[in-house]
Amino acid sequence: MWNYVGIVRTTKRLERAQHRIAMLNEEVAEHYQHFRVTPDLIELRNLLQTAELIVRSALHRHESRGLHYTLDYPQMLPEAVDTVLTP
């Protein structure tokens, strides 16, 4: 997450993070089907879900605001707009 979705971001790195998270999600789903579920596996799944939400939110925000700076969108919009994700 730090390498792809850190303080300074680019759309390309966010998309790479999204792809890697999707691959890890597939692996975790496979483990759920074939192996005994452990607290570590549940924690990994929860961490991946959190990472996915962070990346999706970052991809939807087309401005630099607050702590996070997006090289592809260096400007700040005149008014802050909430980033709302839908399932």
C-alpha atoms as a PDB file:
ATOM      1  CA  MET A   1       0.000   0.000   0.000  1.00  0.00           C
ATOM      2  CA  TRP A   2       2.766   2.451   0.870  1.00  0.00           C
ATOM      3  CA  ASN A   3       4.515   1.976  -2.496  1.00  0.00           C
ATOM      4  CA  TYR A   4       1.380   2.333  -4.619  1.00  0.00           C
ATOM      5  CA  VAL A   5      -1.066   4.306  -2.485  1.00  0.00           C
ATOM      6  CA  GLY A   6       1.177   6.471  -0.312  1.00  0.00           C
ATOM      7  CA  ILE A   7       1.067  10.213   0.255  1.00  0.00           C
ATOM      8  CA  VAL A   8       2.091  11.025  -3.335  1.00  0.00           C
ATOM      9  CA  ARG A   9      -0.056   9.078  -5.790  1.00  0.00           C
ATOM     10  CA  THR A  10      -0.554   8.560  -9.514  1.00  0.00           C
ATOM     11  CA  THR A  11      -3.470   6.987 -11.303  1.00  0.00           C
ATOM     12  CA  LYS A  12      -1.175   4.337 -12.812  1.00  0.00           C
ATOM     13  CA  ARG A  13       0.121   3.252  -9.396  1.00  0.00           C
ATOM     14  CA  LEU A  14      -3.411   3.226  -7.971  1.00  0.00           C
ATOM     15  CA  GLU A  15      -4.534   0.989 -10.842  1.00  0.00           C
ATOM     16  CA  ARG A  16      -1.587  -1.339 -10.201  1.00  0.00           C
ATOM     17  CA  ALA A  17      -2.538  -1.512  -6.529  1.00  0.00           C
ATOM     18  CA  GLN A  18      -6.132  -2.280  -7.509  1.00  0.00           C
ATOM     19  CA  HIS A  19      -4.944  -5.115  -9.757  1.00  0.00           C
ATOM     20  CA  ARG A  20      -2.667  -6.605  -7.073  1.00  0.00           C
ATOM     21  CA  ILE A  21      -5.438  -6.394  -4.470  1.00  0.00           C
ATOM     22  CA  ALA A  22      -7.808  -8.192  -6.856  1.00  0.00           C
ATOM     23  CA  MET A  23      -5.264 -10.997  -7.324  1.00  0.00           C
ATOM     24  CA  LEU A  24      -4.785 -11.331  -3.562  1.00  0.00           C
ATOM     25  CA  ASN A  25      -8.566 -11.377  -3.071  1.00  0.00           C
ATOM     26  CA  GLU A  26      -8.796 -14.308  -5.499  1.00  0.00           C
ATOM     27  CA  GLU A  27      -6.149 -16.203  -3.550  1.00  0.00           C
ATOM     28  CA  VAL A  28      -7.910 -15.565  -0.251  1.00  0.00           C
ATOM     29  CA  ALA A  29     -11.232 -16.683  -1.742  1.00  0.00           C
ATOM     30  CA  GLU A  30      -9.581 -19.907  -2.885  1.00  0.00           C
ATOM     31  CA  HIS A  31      -8.197 -20.514   0.609  1.00  0.00           C
ATOM     32  CA  TYR A  32     -11.678 -20.009   2.059  1.00  0.00           C
ATOM     33  CA  GLN A  33     -12.965 -22.812  -0.171  1.00  0.00           C
ATOM     34  CA  HIS A  34     -10.169 -25.332   0.339  1.00  0.00           C
ATOM     35  CA  PHE A  35      -8.591 -24.761   3.738  1.00  0.00           C
ATOM     36  CA  ARG A  36      -9.524 -24.275   7.351  1.00  0.00           C
ATOM     37  CA  VAL A  37     -10.423 -20.661   8.111  1.00  0.00           C
ATOM     38  CA  THR A  38      -8.082 -19.119  10.681  1.00  0.00           C
ATOM     39  CA  PRO A  39      -8.052 -15.722  12.421  1.00  0.00           C
ATOM     40  CA  ASP A  40      -5.032 -14.770  10.288  1.00  0.00           C
ATOM     41  CA  LEU A  41      -6.937 -15.521   7.086  1.00  0.00           C
ATOM     42  CA  ILE A  42      -9.909 -13.471   8.272  1.00  0.00           C
ATOM     43  CA  GLU A  43      -7.581 -10.600   9.179  1.00  0.00           C
ATOM     44  CA  LEU A  44      -5.953 -10.772   5.751  1.00  0.00           C
ATOM     45  CA  ARG A  45      -9.370 -10.668   4.087  1.00  0.00           C
ATOM     46  CA  ASN A  46     -10.362  -7.646   6.171  1.00  0.00           C
ATOM     47  CA  LEU A  47      -7.089  -5.858   5.357  1.00  0.00           C
ATOM     48  CA  LEU A  48      -7.650  -6.479   1.653  1.00  0.00           C
ATOM     49  CA  GLN A  49     -11.190  -5.111   1.843  1.00  0.00           C
ATOM     50  CA  THR A  50      -9.902  -1.984   3.567  1.00  0.00           C
ATOM     51  CA  ALA A  51      -7.133  -1.592   0.985  1.00  0.00           C
ATOM     52  CA  GLU A  52      -9.650  -1.993  -1.836  1.00  0.00           C
ATOM     53  CA  LEU A  53     -11.870   0.755  -0.407  1.00  0.00           C
ATOM     54  CA  ILE A  54      -8.920   3.111  -0.001  1.00  0.00           C
ATOM     55  CA  VAL A  55      -7.800   2.557  -3.599  1.00  0.00           C
ATOM     56  CA  ARG A  56     -11.321   2.915  -5.009  1.00  0.00           C
ATOM     57  CA  SER A  57     -11.783   6.137  -3.076  1.00  0.00           C
ATOM     58  CA  ALA A  58      -8.417   7.499  -4.246  1.00  0.00           C
ATOM     59  CA  LEU A  59      -9.260   6.698  -7.879  1.00  0.00           C
ATOM     60  CA  HIS A  60     -12.554   8.582  -7.584  1.00  0.00           C
ATOM     61  CA  ARG A  61     -10.953  11.727  -6.156  1.00  0.00           C
ATOM     62  CA  HIS A  62      -9.585  13.858  -8.984  1.00  0.00           C
ATOM     63  CA  GLU A  63      -7.821  16.494  -6.925  1.00  0.00           C
ATOM     64  CA  SER A  64      -5.061  16.918  -4.392  1.00  0.00           C
ATOM     65  CA  ARG A  65      -6.449  17.757  -0.983  1.00  0.00           C
ATOM     66  CA  GLY A  66      -5.218  17.444   2.542  1.00  0.00           C
ATOM     67  CA  LEU A  67      -2.394  15.028   3.141  1.00  0.00           C
ATOM     68  CA  HIS A  68      -2.637  13.146  -0.166  1.00  0.00           C
ATOM     69  CA  TYR A  69      -1.170  14.586  -3.337  1.00  0.00           C
ATOM     70  CA  THR A  70      -2.105  13.190  -6.742  1.00  0.00           C
ATOM     71  CA  LEU A  71       0.457  13.920  -9.448  1.00  0.00           C
ATOM     72  CA  ASP A  72      -2.215  13.497 -12.146  1.00  0.00           C
ATOM     73  CA  TYR A  73      -4.507  16.054 -10.464  1.00  0.00           C
ATOM     74  CA  PRO A  74      -2.305  18.584  -8.648  1.00  0.00           C
ATOM     75  CA  GLN A  75      -5.022  21.221  -8.311  1.00  0.00           C
ATOM     76  CA  MET A  76      -7.459  21.525  -5.459  1.00  0.00           C
ATOM     77  CA  LEU A  77     -11.123  22.020  -6.360  1.00  0.00           C
ATOM     78  CA  PRO A  78     -12.628  25.310  -5.173  1.00  0.00           C
ATOM     79  CA  GLU A  79     -14.926  23.419  -2.823  1.00  0.00           C
ATOM     80  CA  ALA A  80     -14.368  20.089  -1.075  1.00  0.00           C
ATOM     81  CA  VAL A  81     -16.613  17.278  -2.316  1.00  0.00           C
ATOM     82  CA  ASP A  82     -17.169  14.056  -0.389  1.00  0.00           C
ATOM     83  CA  THR A  83     -16.029  10.841  -2.035  1.00  0.00           C
ATOM     84  CA  VAL A  84     -18.954   8.446  -1.852  1.00  0.00           C
ATOM     85  CA  LEU A  85     -18.526   4.863  -3.018  1.00  0.00           C
ATOM     86  CA  THR A  86     -21.452   2.669  -3.975  1.00  0.00           C
ATOM     87  CA  PRO A  87     -21.379  -1.140  -4.065  1.00  0.00           C
END
